[in-house]
């Protein structure tokens, strides 16, 4: 299994930030996002993002299942809010495949070589909008949750180290 992948997400709601993406991948024990690019698009007045993500996979069962399903099915449905039924359709990024699916004579690409009209056809236009700001309260809550998650990992590592020192393997 390759530890680093480049993933393509064709639709990300406009209230999702890079930090939120990183939180969900970490929380599901899949991996750490090294780099995330969100490019805004507009459809019938709705702003949304397409994402290009570089991720380091963990050596965990959920990460292995994620990788296996991604390879076998060519996509992975990542459900991040079951109540609202929100999910991301995640695909492996392959610039050659994306370009071959574009029917235009002129292929508009962004800085990451993603065709801007790949997702839903060329009737959509690219607009340069910044990601929507999330509320300060939610952002504080998210940072607290991420900090707590990191603290728990550090405590578990410390306990494992002490256990090893006291009892050996």
Protein backbone atom coordinates (compact mmCIF):
# COMPACT_ATOMS: atom_id res chain seq x y z
CA UNK A 1 0.00 0.00 0.00
CA UNK A 2 1.29 3.44 -0.94
CA UNK A 3 1.45 5.65 2.17
CA UNK A 4 0.86 8.92 0.31
CA UNK A 5 -2.06 9.44 -2.06
CA UNK A 6 -3.43 12.32 -4.08
CA UNK A 7 -7.22 12.35 -3.90
CA UNK A 8 -9.82 14.23 -5.91
CA UNK A 9 -13.18 15.27 -4.43
CA UNK A 10 -15.55 16.64 -7.09
CA UNK A 11 -18.06 18.24 -4.68
CA UNK A 12 -17.39 19.81 -1.29
CA UNK A 13 -20.02 22.02 0.35
CA UNK A 14 -19.02 25.67 0.69
CA UNK A 15 -18.98 25.56 4.50
CA UNK A 16 -16.18 22.96 4.61
CA UNK A 17 -12.63 24.20 5.22
CA UNK A 18 -9.24 22.51 4.96
CA UNK A 19 -9.20 22.15 8.77
CA UNK A 20 -12.54 20.35 8.73
CA UNK A 21 -11.32 17.99 5.98
CA UNK A 22 -8.20 17.24 8.02
CA UNK A 23 -10.27 16.64 11.14
CA UNK A 24 -12.53 14.06 9.47
CA UNK A 25 -9.68 12.09 7.88
CA UNK A 26 -7.81 12.07 11.20
CA UNK A 27 -10.91 11.29 13.24
CA UNK A 28 -11.76 8.28 11.04
CA UNK A 29 -8.16 7.05 11.53
CA UNK A 30 -7.45 7.19 7.79
CA UNK A 31 -4.59 9.65 7.58
CA UNK A 32 -3.14 13.13 7.86
CA UNK A 33 -3.73 15.66 5.11
CA UNK A 34 -0.42 17.10 3.97
CA UNK A 35 -1.86 19.59 1.49
CA UNK A 36 -5.39 20.50 0.43
CA UNK A 37 -6.45 22.76 -2.42
CA UNK A 38 -10.08 23.88 -2.68
CA UNK A 39 -11.16 25.44 -5.98
CA UNK A 40 -14.52 27.19 -6.01
CA UNK A 41 -17.17 26.59 -8.65
CA UNK A 42 -20.72 27.80 -9.09
CA UNK A 43 -23.84 25.91 -10.14
CA UNK A 44 -27.19 27.74 -10.31
CA UNK A 45 -25.97 30.34 -7.82
CA UNK A 46 -24.60 27.76 -5.38
CA UNK A 47 -20.90 27.99 -4.62
CA UNK A 48 -19.15 24.70 -3.93
CA UNK A 49 -15.60 23.42 -4.10
CA UNK A 50 -13.66 20.73 -5.85
CA UNK A 51 -10.76 19.48 -3.80
CA UNK A 52 -7.34 18.07 -4.47
CA UNK A 53 -5.84 16.48 -1.37
CA UNK A 54 -2.45 14.94 -0.63
CA UNK A 55 -2.78 12.55 2.30
CA UNK A 56 -0.41 10.36 4.30
CA UNK A 57 -2.30 7.19 5.17
CA UNK A 58 -2.01 5.69 8.63
CA UNK A 59 -1.04 2.08 9.12
CA UNK A 60 -4.49 1.25 10.48
CA UNK A 61 -7.38 -1.00 9.50
CA UNK A 62 -9.66 1.92 8.51
CA UNK A 63 -6.89 3.32 6.28
CA UNK A 64 -6.35 -0.08 4.66
CA UNK A 65 -10.10 -0.47 4.08
CA UNK A 66 -10.27 3.04 2.63
CA UNK A 67 -7.37 2.33 0.25
CA UNK A 68 -8.77 -1.08 -0.78
CA UNK A 69 -12.26 0.29 -1.55
CA UNK A 70 -10.75 3.22 -3.41
CA UNK A 71 -8.68 0.87 -5.60
CA UNK A 72 -11.45 -1.68 -6.22
CA UNK A 73 -14.39 0.68 -6.77
CA UNK A 74 -12.41 3.61 -8.26
CA UNK A 75 -14.22 5.82 -5.74
CA UNK A 76 -15.05 5.94 -2.03
CA UNK A 77 -18.17 7.39 -0.44
CA UNK A 78 -17.00 9.13 2.75
CA UNK A 79 -20.03 9.87 4.95
CA UNK A 80 -19.15 12.70 7.29
CA UNK A 81 -22.63 13.56 8.64
CA UNK A 82 -25.05 10.63 8.83
CA UNK A 83 -27.99 12.66 10.13
CA UNK A 84 -27.85 15.20 7.32
CA UNK A 85 -26.72 12.50 4.86
CA UNK A 86 -23.69 14.55 3.78
CA UNK A 87 -20.87 12.70 2.07
CA UNK A 88 -17.92 13.19 -0.24
CA UNK A 89 -17.30 11.04 -3.30
CA UNK A 90 -13.53 10.56 -3.23
CA UNK A 91 -11.51 9.43 -6.24
CA UNK A 92 -7.84 8.88 -6.93
CA UNK A 93 -6.38 11.88 -8.76
CA UNK A 94 -5.22 10.92 -12.22
CA UNK A 95 -4.63 13.93 -14.50
CA UNK A 96 -4.60 11.79 -17.67
CA UNK A 97 -8.01 10.27 -16.92
CA UNK A 98 -9.52 13.67 -16.12
CA UNK A 99 -8.29 15.29 -19.32
CA UNK A 100 -9.48 12.40 -21.49
CA UNK A 101 -13.05 12.82 -20.16
CA UNK A 102 -13.20 16.48 -21.16
CA UNK A 103 -15.01 16.99 -24.49
CA UNK A 104 -14.02 20.63 -25.04
CA UNK A 105 -11.49 21.65 -27.65
CA UNK A 106 -9.88 23.97 -25.12
CA UNK A 107 -9.29 22.41 -21.73
CA UNK A 108 -9.32 25.03 -18.95
CA UNK A 109 -7.10 23.80 -16.14
CA UNK A 110 -6.39 25.24 -12.74
CA UNK A 111 -2.95 25.27 -11.08
CA UNK A 112 -3.30 21.59 -10.15
CA UNK A 113 -4.13 20.50 -13.73
CA UNK A 114 -7.74 19.75 -12.83
CA UNK A 115 -10.10 20.50 -15.72
CA UNK A 116 -12.48 23.12 -14.42
CA UNK A 117 -15.48 21.59 -16.19
CA UNK A 118 -14.73 17.94 -15.45
CA UNK A 119 -17.27 17.39 -12.72
CA UNK A 120 -20.57 18.40 -14.31
CA UNK A 121 -19.81 19.41 -17.87
CA UNK A 122 -18.80 22.74 -19.33
CA UNK A 123 -22.02 24.63 -18.52
CA UNK A 124 -20.46 25.66 -15.20
CA UNK A 125 -18.12 28.56 -14.73
CA UNK A 126 -15.16 28.97 -12.42
CA UNK A 127 -15.41 31.83 -9.95
CA UNK A 128 -12.68 32.94 -7.62
CA UNK A 129 -14.39 32.91 -4.22
CA UNK A 130 -12.62 32.40 -0.95
CA UNK A 131 -13.86 29.52 1.22
CA UNK A 132 -16.70 30.60 3.47
CA UNK A 133 -15.63 31.49 6.98
CA UNK A 134 -16.98 29.21 9.66
CA UNK A 135 -18.28 30.71 12.86
CA UNK A 136 -15.74 31.53 15.56
CA UNK A 137 -17.56 29.29 18.05
CA UNK A 138 -17.41 26.28 15.73
CA UNK A 139 -13.80 27.02 14.84
CA UNK A 140 -12.91 27.15 18.56
CA UNK A 141 -14.78 23.90 19.12
CA UNK A 142 -12.95 22.28 16.19
CA UNK A 143 -9.54 23.43 17.46
CA UNK A 144 -10.39 22.17 20.96
CA UNK A 145 -11.44 18.81 19.53
CA UNK A 146 -8.27 18.50 17.45
CA UNK A 147 -6.14 19.53 20.46
CA UNK A 148 -7.92 16.99 22.65
CA UNK A 149 -7.41 14.27 20.02
CA UNK A 150 -3.68 15.08 19.86
CA UNK A 151 -3.44 15.13 23.65
CA UNK A 152 -5.10 11.69 23.88
CA UNK A 153 -2.60 10.30 21.37
CA UNK A 154 0.31 11.72 23.36
CA UNK A 155 -1.08 10.25 26.60
CA UNK A 156 -1.55 6.83 24.95
CA UNK A 157 2.01 6.93 23.62
CA UNK A 158 3.34 7.86 27.06
CA UNK A 159 1.37 5.04 28.71
CA UNK A 160 2.66 2.56 26.12
CA UNK A 161 6.25 3.72 26.68
CA UNK A 162 5.96 3.41 30.48
CA UNK A 163 4.30 0.01 30.16
CA UNK A 164 7.11 -1.15 27.92
CA UNK A 165 9.74 0.16 30.37
CA UNK A 166 8.03 -1.55 33.33
CA UNK A 167 7.00 -4.86 31.80
CA UNK A 168 9.01 -5.20 28.58
CA UNK A 169 7.32 -6.36 25.39
